[in-house]
C-alpha atoms as a PDB file:
ATOM      1  CA  MET A   1      10.090  87.155  65.306  1.00  0.00           C
ATOM      2  CA  LYS A   2       6.705  88.361  65.929  1.00  0.00           C
ATOM      3  CA  ARG A   3       7.125  91.725  65.283  1.00  0.00           C
ATOM      4  CA  TRP A   4       9.225  90.756  62.265  1.00  0.00           C
ATOM      5  CA  MET A   5       6.036  89.111  61.273  1.00  0.00           C
ATOM      6  CA  SER A   6       3.475  92.059  62.127  1.00  0.00           C
ATOM      7  CA  LEU A   7       5.897  94.312  59.801  1.00  0.00           C
ATOM      8  CA  LEU A   8       6.037  92.168  56.715  1.00  0.00           C
ATOM      9  CA  MET A   9       2.033  91.288  57.053  1.00  0.00           C
ATOM     10  CA  CYS A  10       1.653  95.233  57.352  1.00  0.00           C
ATOM     11  CA  ALA A  11       3.645  96.057  54.350  1.00  0.00           C
ATOM     12  CA  ALA A  12       1.688  93.145  52.172  1.00  0.00           C
ATOM     13  CA  LEU A  13      -1.253  95.176  53.047  1.00  0.00           C
ATOM     14  CA  ALA A  14       0.270  98.314  52.117  1.00  0.00           C
ATOM     15  CA  ALA A  15       1.374  97.174  48.282  1.00  0.00           C
ATOM     16  CA  PRO A  16      -0.742  97.987  45.637  1.00  0.00           C
ATOM     17  CA  ALA A  17      -2.937  94.979  44.226  1.00  0.00           C
ATOM     18  CA  TRP A  18      -0.962  94.726  40.624  1.00  0.00           C
ATOM     19  CA  ALA A  19       2.557  94.166  42.713  1.00  0.00           C
ATOM     20  CA  LEU A  20       0.609  91.279  44.688  1.00  0.00           C
ATOM     21  CA  ASP A  21      -1.164  89.865  42.239  1.00  0.00           C
ATOM     22  CA  LEU A  22       1.634  89.762  39.796  1.00  0.00           C
ATOM     23  CA  ALA A  23       4.647  89.366  42.157  1.00  0.00           C
ATOM     24  CA  GLY A  24       5.871  86.039  40.406  1.00  0.00           C
ATOM     25  CA  LEU A  25       6.311  87.941  37.158  1.00  0.00           C
ATOM     26  CA  THR A  26       8.519  90.825  36.128  1.00  0.00           C
ATOM     27  CA  GLN A  27       7.058  94.006  35.253  1.00  0.00           C
ATOM     28  CA  GLY A  28       8.298  92.953  31.440  1.00  0.00           C
ATOM     29  CA  GLU A  29       6.415  89.868  31.678  1.00  0.00           C
ATOM     30  CA  ALA A  30       3.266  91.509  32.800  1.00  0.00           C
ATOM     31  CA  ALA A  31       3.511  94.052  29.872  1.00  0.00           C
ATOM     32  CA  GLY A  32       4.115  91.517  27.374  1.00  0.00           C
ATOM     33  CA  GLY A  33       1.349  89.506  28.440  1.00  0.00           C
ATOM     34  CA  LEU A  34      -0.899  92.222  28.755  1.00  0.00           C
ATOM     35  CA  LYS A  35      -0.201  92.943  25.007  1.00  0.00           C
ATOM     36  CA  GLU A  36      -0.779  89.486  23.785  1.00  0.00           C
ATOM     37  CA  ALA A  37      -4.176  89.245  24.894  1.00  0.00           C
ATOM     38  CA  LEU A  38      -5.188  92.336  24.173  1.00  0.00           C
ATOM     39  CA  THR A  39      -3.562  91.778  20.703  1.00  0.00           C
ATOM     40  CA  GLN A  40      -6.035  88.381  20.595  1.00  0.00           C
ATOM     41  CA  GLY A  41      -9.030  90.759  22.207  1.00  0.00           C
ATOM     42  CA  ALA A  42      -9.049  93.641  19.476  1.00  0.00           C
ATOM     43  CA  GLY A  43      -8.359  91.386  16.581  1.00  0.00           C
ATOM     44  CA  LYS A  44     -11.160  89.063  17.812  1.00  0.00           C
ATOM     45  CA  ALA A  45     -13.413  92.230  18.201  1.00  0.00           C
ATOM     46  CA  VAL A  46     -12.686  93.936  14.765  1.00  0.00           C
ATOM     47  CA  GLU A  47     -13.505  90.209  12.900  1.00  0.00           C
ATOM     48  CA  LEU A  48     -17.080  89.847  15.008  1.00  0.00           C
ATOM     49  CA  LEU A  49     -17.847  93.936  14.367  1.00  0.00           C
ATOM     50  CA  GLY A  50     -16.194  93.444  10.696  1.00  0.00           C
ATOM     51  CA  GLN A  51     -18.639  91.202   9.330  1.00  0.00           C
ATOM     52  CA  LYS A  52     -22.111  91.077   7.728  1.00  0.00           C
ATOM     53  CA  ASN A  53     -24.468  91.761  10.598  1.00  0.00           C
ATOM     54  CA  GLY A  54     -21.639  92.368  13.255  1.00  0.00           C
ATOM     55  CA  TYR A  55     -23.374  95.643  14.430  1.00  0.00           C
ATOM     56  CA  LEU A  56     -26.682  95.188  13.216  1.00  0.00           C
ATOM     57  CA  ALA A  57     -27.666  91.851  14.788  1.00  0.00           C
ATOM     58  CA  ASN A  58     -25.614  92.313  18.045  1.00  0.00           C
ATOM     59  CA  PRO A  59     -27.976  94.456  20.492  1.00  0.00           C
ATOM     60  CA  LYS A  60     -25.095  95.317  22.434  1.00  0.00           C
ATOM     61  CA  VAL A  61     -23.794  97.605  19.625  1.00  0.00           C
ATOM     62  CA  LYS A  62     -26.581  98.056  17.160  1.00  0.00           C
ATOM     63  CA  ILE A  63     -26.402 101.473  16.201  1.00  0.00           C
ATOM     64  CA  PRO A  64     -30.092 103.015  16.673  1.00  0.00           C
ATOM     65  CA  LEU A  65     -32.021 105.739  15.132  1.00  0.00           C
ATOM     66  CA  PRO A  66     -30.554 109.215  16.626  1.00  0.00           C
ATOM     67  CA  ASP A  67     -32.500 110.652  18.727  1.00  0.00           C
ATOM     68  CA  ALA A  68     -33.543 113.927  16.722  1.00  0.00           C
ATOM     69  CA  LEU A  69     -35.245 111.265  14.250  1.00  0.00           C
ATOM     70  CA  ALA A  70     -36.476 108.950  16.805  1.00  0.00           C
ATOM     71  CA  LYS A  71     -38.387 111.294  18.553  1.00  0.00           C
ATOM     72  CA  SER A  72     -39.868 112.048  15.012  1.00  0.00           C
ATOM     73  CA  GLU A  73     -40.720 108.275  14.039  1.00  0.00           C
ATOM     74  CA  SER A  74     -44.480 108.233  14.385  1.00  0.00           C
ATOM     75  CA  LEU A  75     -44.727 111.365  12.569  1.00  0.00           C
ATOM     76  CA  LEU A  76     -42.417 110.343   9.834  1.00  0.00           C
ATOM     77  CA  GLN A  77     -44.142 106.743   9.824  1.00  0.00           C
ATOM     78  CA  MET A  78     -47.171 108.476   9.370  1.00  0.00           C
ATOM     79  CA  MET A  79     -46.039 110.662   6.321  1.00  0.00           C
ATOM     80  CA  GLY A  80     -44.605 107.370   4.732  1.00  0.00           C
ATOM     81  CA  LYS A  81     -41.179 107.416   5.564  1.00  0.00           C
ATOM     82  CA  GLY A  82     -41.115 104.183   7.854  1.00  0.00           C
ATOM     83  CA  LYS A  83     -39.279 102.015   5.298  1.00  0.00           C
ATOM     84  CA  ASP A  84     -36.394 105.344   4.997  1.00  0.00           C
ATOM     85  CA  LEU A  85     -36.158 105.358   8.390  1.00  0.00           C
ATOM     86  CA  ASP A  86     -35.579 101.104   8.489  1.00  0.00           C
ATOM     87  CA  LYS A  87     -33.280 101.458   5.448  1.00  0.00           C
ATOM     88  CA  LEU A  88     -31.244 104.194   7.487  1.00  0.00           C
ATOM     89  CA  VAL A  89     -30.650 101.871  10.552  1.00  0.00           C
ATOM     90  CA  ALA A  90     -29.443  99.124   8.197  1.00  0.00           C
ATOM     91  CA  THR A  91     -27.241 101.478   6.197  1.00  0.00           C
ATOM     92  CA  MET A  92     -25.689 102.834   9.719  1.00  0.00           C
ATOM     93  CA  ASN A  93     -24.734  99.659  10.591  1.00  0.00           C
ATOM     94  CA  ARG A  94     -23.497  98.150   7.447  1.00  0.00           C
ATOM     95  CA  ALA A  95     -21.248 101.486   7.457  1.00  0.00           C
ATOM     96  CA  ALA A  96     -20.058 100.313  10.614  1.00  0.00           C
ATOM     97  CA  GLU A  97     -19.378  96.871   9.613  1.00  0.00           C
ATOM     98  CA  GLN A  98     -17.314  98.280   6.519  1.00  0.00           C
ATOM     99  CA  ALA A  99     -15.693 101.004   8.434  1.00  0.00           C
ATOM    100  CA  VAL A 100     -14.539  98.981  11.498  1.00  0.00           C
ATOM    101  CA  PRO A 101     -11.506  96.367   9.628  1.00  0.00           C
ATOM    102  CA  ALA A 102      -9.561  99.776   9.008  1.00  0.00           C
ATOM    103  CA  ALA A 103      -9.310 100.211  13.278  1.00  0.00           C
ATOM    104  CA  LYS A 104      -6.976  97.078  13.128  1.00  0.00           C
ATOM    105  CA  PRO A 105      -3.733  98.454  12.490  1.00  0.00           C
ATOM    106  CA  LEU A 106      -4.237 101.746  14.764  1.00  0.00           C
ATOM    107  CA  LEU A 107      -5.562  99.252  17.635  1.00  0.00           C
ATOM    108  CA  MET A 108      -2.418  97.001  16.912  1.00  0.00           C
ATOM    109  CA  ASP A 109       0.180 100.079  16.932  1.00  0.00           C
ATOM    110  CA  ALA A 110      -1.448 100.893  20.439  1.00  0.00           C
ATOM    111  CA  ILE A 111      -0.813  97.807  21.907  1.00  0.00           C
ATOM    112  CA  LYS A 112       3.200  97.683  20.666  1.00  0.00           C
ATOM    113  CA  THR A 113       3.994 101.455  21.703  1.00  0.00           C
ATOM    114  CA  MET A 114       2.422 100.273  25.390  1.00  0.00           C
ATOM    115  CA  SER A 115       4.541 101.329  28.132  1.00  0.00           C
ATOM    116  CA  VAL A 116       5.103  99.272  31.542  1.00  0.00           C
ATOM    117  CA  ASP A 117       3.329 102.177  33.161  1.00  0.00           C
ATOM    118  CA  ASP A 118       0.221 101.477  30.466  1.00  0.00           C
ATOM    119  CA  ALA A 119       0.285  98.087  31.226  1.00  0.00           C
ATOM    120  CA  LYS A 120       0.341  98.691  35.269  1.00  0.00           C
ATOM    121  CA  ARG A 121      -2.869 101.004  34.903  1.00  0.00           C
ATOM    122  CA  ILE A 122      -4.499  98.514  32.812  1.00  0.00           C
ATOM    123  CA  LEU A 123      -4.038  95.646  35.033  1.00  0.00           C
ATOM    124  CA  SER A 124      -4.883  97.300  37.928  1.00  0.00           C
ATOM    125  CA  GLY A 125      -7.418 100.119  36.854  1.00  0.00           C
ATOM    126  CA  GLY A 126     -10.696  97.719  36.998  1.00  0.00           C
ATOM    127  CA  GLU A 127     -13.067  96.644  34.190  1.00  0.00           C
ATOM    128  CA  ASP A 128     -13.054  99.771  31.874  1.00  0.00           C
ATOM    129  CA  SER A 129      -9.116 100.089  31.724  1.00  0.00           C
ATOM    130  CA  VAL A 130      -8.855  98.633  28.121  1.00  0.00           C
ATOM    131  CA  THR A 131     -11.678 100.994  26.611  1.00  0.00           C
ATOM    132  CA  ARG A 132     -10.049 104.073  28.910  1.00  0.00           C
ATOM    133  CA  TYR A 133      -6.530 103.398  27.371  1.00  0.00           C
ATOM    134  CA  PHE A 134      -7.906 102.701  23.609  1.00  0.00           C
ATOM    135  CA  LYS A 135      -9.943 105.642  23.632  1.00  0.00           C
ATOM    136  CA  GLU A 136      -6.861 107.582  24.673  1.00  0.00           C
ATOM    137  CA  LYS A 137      -4.630 106.259  21.891  1.00  0.00           C
ATOM    138  CA  THR A 138      -6.968 105.963  19.238  1.00  0.00           C
ATOM    139  CA  GLU A 139     -10.012 107.598  19.173  1.00  0.00           C
ATOM    140  CA  SER A 140      -8.947 110.932  17.559  1.00  0.00           C
ATOM    141  CA  GLN A 141      -7.318 109.016  14.920  1.00  0.00           C
ATOM    142  CA  LEU A 142      -9.982 106.057  14.049  1.00  0.00           C
ATOM    143  CA  ALA A 143     -12.958 109.038  13.956  1.00  0.00           C
ATOM    144  CA  THR A 144     -10.960 110.659  11.439  1.00  0.00           C
ATOM    145  CA  LEU A 145     -10.495 107.402   9.273  1.00  0.00           C
ATOM    146  CA  PHE A 146     -14.153 106.231   9.998  1.00  0.00           C
ATOM    147  CA  GLU A 147     -16.251 109.482   9.081  1.00  0.00           C
ATOM    148  CA  PRO A 148     -15.550 109.549   5.099  1.00  0.00           C
ATOM    149  CA  MET A 149     -16.156 106.008   4.899  1.00  0.00           C
ATOM    150  CA  VAL A 150     -19.470 106.322   7.167  1.00  0.00           C
ATOM    151  CA  LYS A 151     -20.542 109.767   4.932  1.00  0.00           C
ATOM    152  CA  GLU A 152     -20.123 107.606   1.564  1.00  0.00           C
ATOM    153  CA  GLN A 153     -22.783 104.790   2.849  1.00  0.00           C
ATOM    154  CA  THR A 154     -24.878 107.209   4.290  1.00  0.00           C
ATOM    155  CA  ASP A 155     -25.103 110.345   1.611  1.00  0.00           C
ATOM    156  CA  SER A 156     -27.077 108.478  -0.818  1.00  0.00           C
ATOM    157  CA  LEU A 157     -30.304 108.479   1.761  1.00  0.00           C
ATOM    158  CA  ALA A 158     -32.324 111.099   1.205  1.00  0.00           C
ATOM    159  CA  VAL A 159     -33.640 110.372   5.008  1.00  0.00           C
ATOM    160  CA  SER A 160     -30.102 111.643   5.822  1.00  0.00           C
ATOM    161  CA  LYS A 161     -30.662 114.895   4.853  1.00  0.00           C
ATOM    162  CA  THR A 162     -33.668 114.894   7.113  1.00  0.00           C
ATOM    163  CA  TYR A 163     -31.619 114.054   9.750  1.00  0.00           C
ATOM    164  CA  ASN A 164     -29.114 116.527   9.480  1.00  0.00           C
ATOM    165  CA  LYS A 165     -31.581 119.303   9.075  1.00  0.00           C
ATOM    166  CA  LEU A 166     -33.587 118.127  12.338  1.00  0.00           C
ATOM    167  CA  ALA A 167     -30.033 117.733  14.154  1.00  0.00           C
ATOM    168  CA  GLY A 168     -29.107 121.272  13.187  1.00  0.00           C
ATOM    169  CA  THR A 169     -31.831 122.665  14.731  1.00  0.00           C
ATOM    170  CA  GLY A 170     -32.134 120.719  17.569  1.00  0.00           C
ATOM    171  CA  ALA A 171     -28.222 121.868  18.504  1.00  0.00           C
ATOM    172  CA  GLY A 172     -29.285 125.428  18.159  1.00  0.00           C
ATOM    173  CA  LEU A 173     -31.913 124.421  20.940  1.00  0.00           C
ATOM    174  CA  GLY A 174     -29.542 122.576  23.008  1.00  0.00           C
ATOM    175  CA  LEU A 175     -31.502 119.457  22.622  1.00  0.00           C
ATOM    176  CA  VAL A 176     -28.442 117.655  20.147  1.00  0.00           C
ATOM    177  CA  LYS A 177     -25.013 117.071  20.893  1.00  0.00           C
ATOM    178  CA  GLN A 178     -22.748 118.858  18.657  1.00  0.00           C
ATOM    179  CA  GLU A 179     -21.032 115.884  17.529  1.00  0.00           C
ATOM    180  CA  ASP A 180     -24.043 114.109  16.576  1.00  0.00           C
ATOM    181  CA  THR A 181     -25.663 116.972  14.087  1.00  0.00           C
ATOM    182  CA  ARG A 182     -24.834 114.733  10.682  1.00  0.00           C
ATOM    183  CA  VAL A 183     -25.515 111.414  10.335  1.00  0.00           C
ATOM    184  CA  GLU A 184     -21.910 110.347   9.361  1.00  0.00           C
ATOM    185  CA  GLY A 185     -20.499 112.118  12.854  1.00  0.00           C
ATOM    186  CA  TYR A 186     -23.037 110.092  14.770  1.00  0.00           C
ATOM    187  CA  VAL A 187     -22.535 106.863  13.408  1.00  0.00           C
ATOM    188  CA  THR A 188     -18.573 107.244  14.051  1.00  0.00           C
ATOM    189  CA  ARG A 189     -19.283 108.052  17.670  1.00  0.00           C
ATOM    190  CA  LYS A 190     -21.275 104.758  17.956  1.00  0.00           C
ATOM    191  CA  ALA A 191     -19.246 102.606  15.394  1.00  0.00           C
ATOM    192  CA  LEU A 192     -16.230 103.471  17.995  1.00  0.00           C
ATOM    193  CA  ASP A 193     -18.189 102.931  21.183  1.00  0.00           C
ATOM    194  CA  GLY A 194     -19.396  99.701  19.864  1.00  0.00           C
ATOM    195  CA  LEU A 195     -15.440  98.673  18.721  1.00  0.00           C
ATOM    196  CA  TYR A 196     -14.039  99.314  22.557  1.00  0.00           C
ATOM    197  CA  LEU A 197     -17.039  97.556  23.934  1.00  0.00           C
ATOM    198  CA  MET A 198     -16.469  94.643  22.268  1.00  0.00           C
ATOM    199  CA  ILE A 199     -12.935  94.945  22.893  1.00  0.00           C
ATOM    200  CA  ALA A 200     -13.392  95.374  26.754  1.00  0.00           C
ATOM    201  CA  GLU A 201     -15.633  92.080  26.411  1.00  0.00           C
ATOM    202  CA  GLN A 202     -12.868  90.033  25.064  1.00  0.00           C
ATOM    203  CA  GLU A 203     -10.755  91.358  27.569  1.00  0.00           C
ATOM    204  CA  LYS A 204     -13.429  90.170  30.583  1.00  0.00           C
ATOM    205  CA  ALA A 205     -13.356  86.843  28.530  1.00  0.00           C
ATOM    206  CA  ILE A 206      -9.615  86.262  29.003  1.00  0.00           C
ATOM    207  CA  ARG A 207      -9.871  87.328  32.703  1.00  0.00           C
ATOM    208  CA  LYS A 208     -12.389  85.024  33.629  1.00  0.00           C
ATOM    209  CA  ASP A 209     -10.872  81.857  31.397  1.00  0.00           C
ATOM    210  CA  PRO A 210      -6.976  82.780  31.440  1.00  0.00           C
ATOM    211  CA  VAL A 211      -6.638  79.270  29.773  1.00  0.00           C
ATOM    212  CA  GLY A 212      -8.351  80.763  26.782  1.00  0.00           C
ATOM    213  CA  ALA A 213      -5.655  83.364  26.127  1.00  0.00           C
ATOM    214  CA  ALA A 214      -3.657  82.814  22.636  1.00  0.00           C
ATOM    215  CA  GLY A 215      -0.125  83.449  24.246  1.00  0.00           C
ATOM    216  CA  ALA A 216       1.513  81.109  26.815  1.00  0.00           C
ATOM    217  CA  LEU A 217       2.592  84.728  28.670  1.00  0.00           C
ATOM    218  CA  ALA A 218      -0.874  85.903  28.693  1.00  0.00           C
ATOM    219  CA  ARG A 219      -2.117  83.149  30.173  1.00  0.00           C
ATOM    220  CA  ARG A 220       0.408  83.483  32.818  1.00  0.00           C
ATOM    221  CA  VAL A 221      -0.487  87.165  33.595  1.00  0.00           C
ATOM    222  CA  PHE A 222      -4.081  86.521  34.083  1.00  0.00           C
ATOM    223  CA  GLY A 223      -3.958  83.522  35.793  1.00  0.00           C
ATOM    224  CA  ALA A 224      -2.027  85.480  38.507  1.00  0.00           C
ATOM    225  CA  LEU A 225      -5.021  87.840  38.704  1.00  0.00           C
END
């Protein structure tokens, strides 16, 4: 009997954490609960960011001046361009706020097509697992979707042309990332970073307080973690 108990304990210790924590649920239930939670979290993230000041008033996701302009900010202010820089920051964040609602259908599709294996990786993959999943499934499509929308907003600003010129020179010297050589590319990248961050924060909130999950299955899954 003692030997049997010892073997059972060893097996339990060797079992994957996901299997132990969710032992009372089937894999389908676990995946379904995660989908409920992510639907809630992604929807809430889009809602929060897609409203006026959703980016601009949130220091966690506010899009700052690109480095190429930030490093020249003092000089540009001395040249009387301070208001232009302030307008650029406001316009970049407004552009992100207007673009982000278009992300919801793609995020929902990524959730609907999630496999059981995807769900296992997310539930056992640590606090950034949701971010990694959504980036893998949606980042390139969302970048393609966002960039023209952002460009429409930023093209009207003269300071955008100043940035593009400075960034182009900086990229040639290895000082600016290639994807940041144009304002719309920079804003799109930052807007997506903010979106994934807010989705991850929504998931953390559900992990911390499963009772706050929208669906009964999600409450069961996250209550078991």
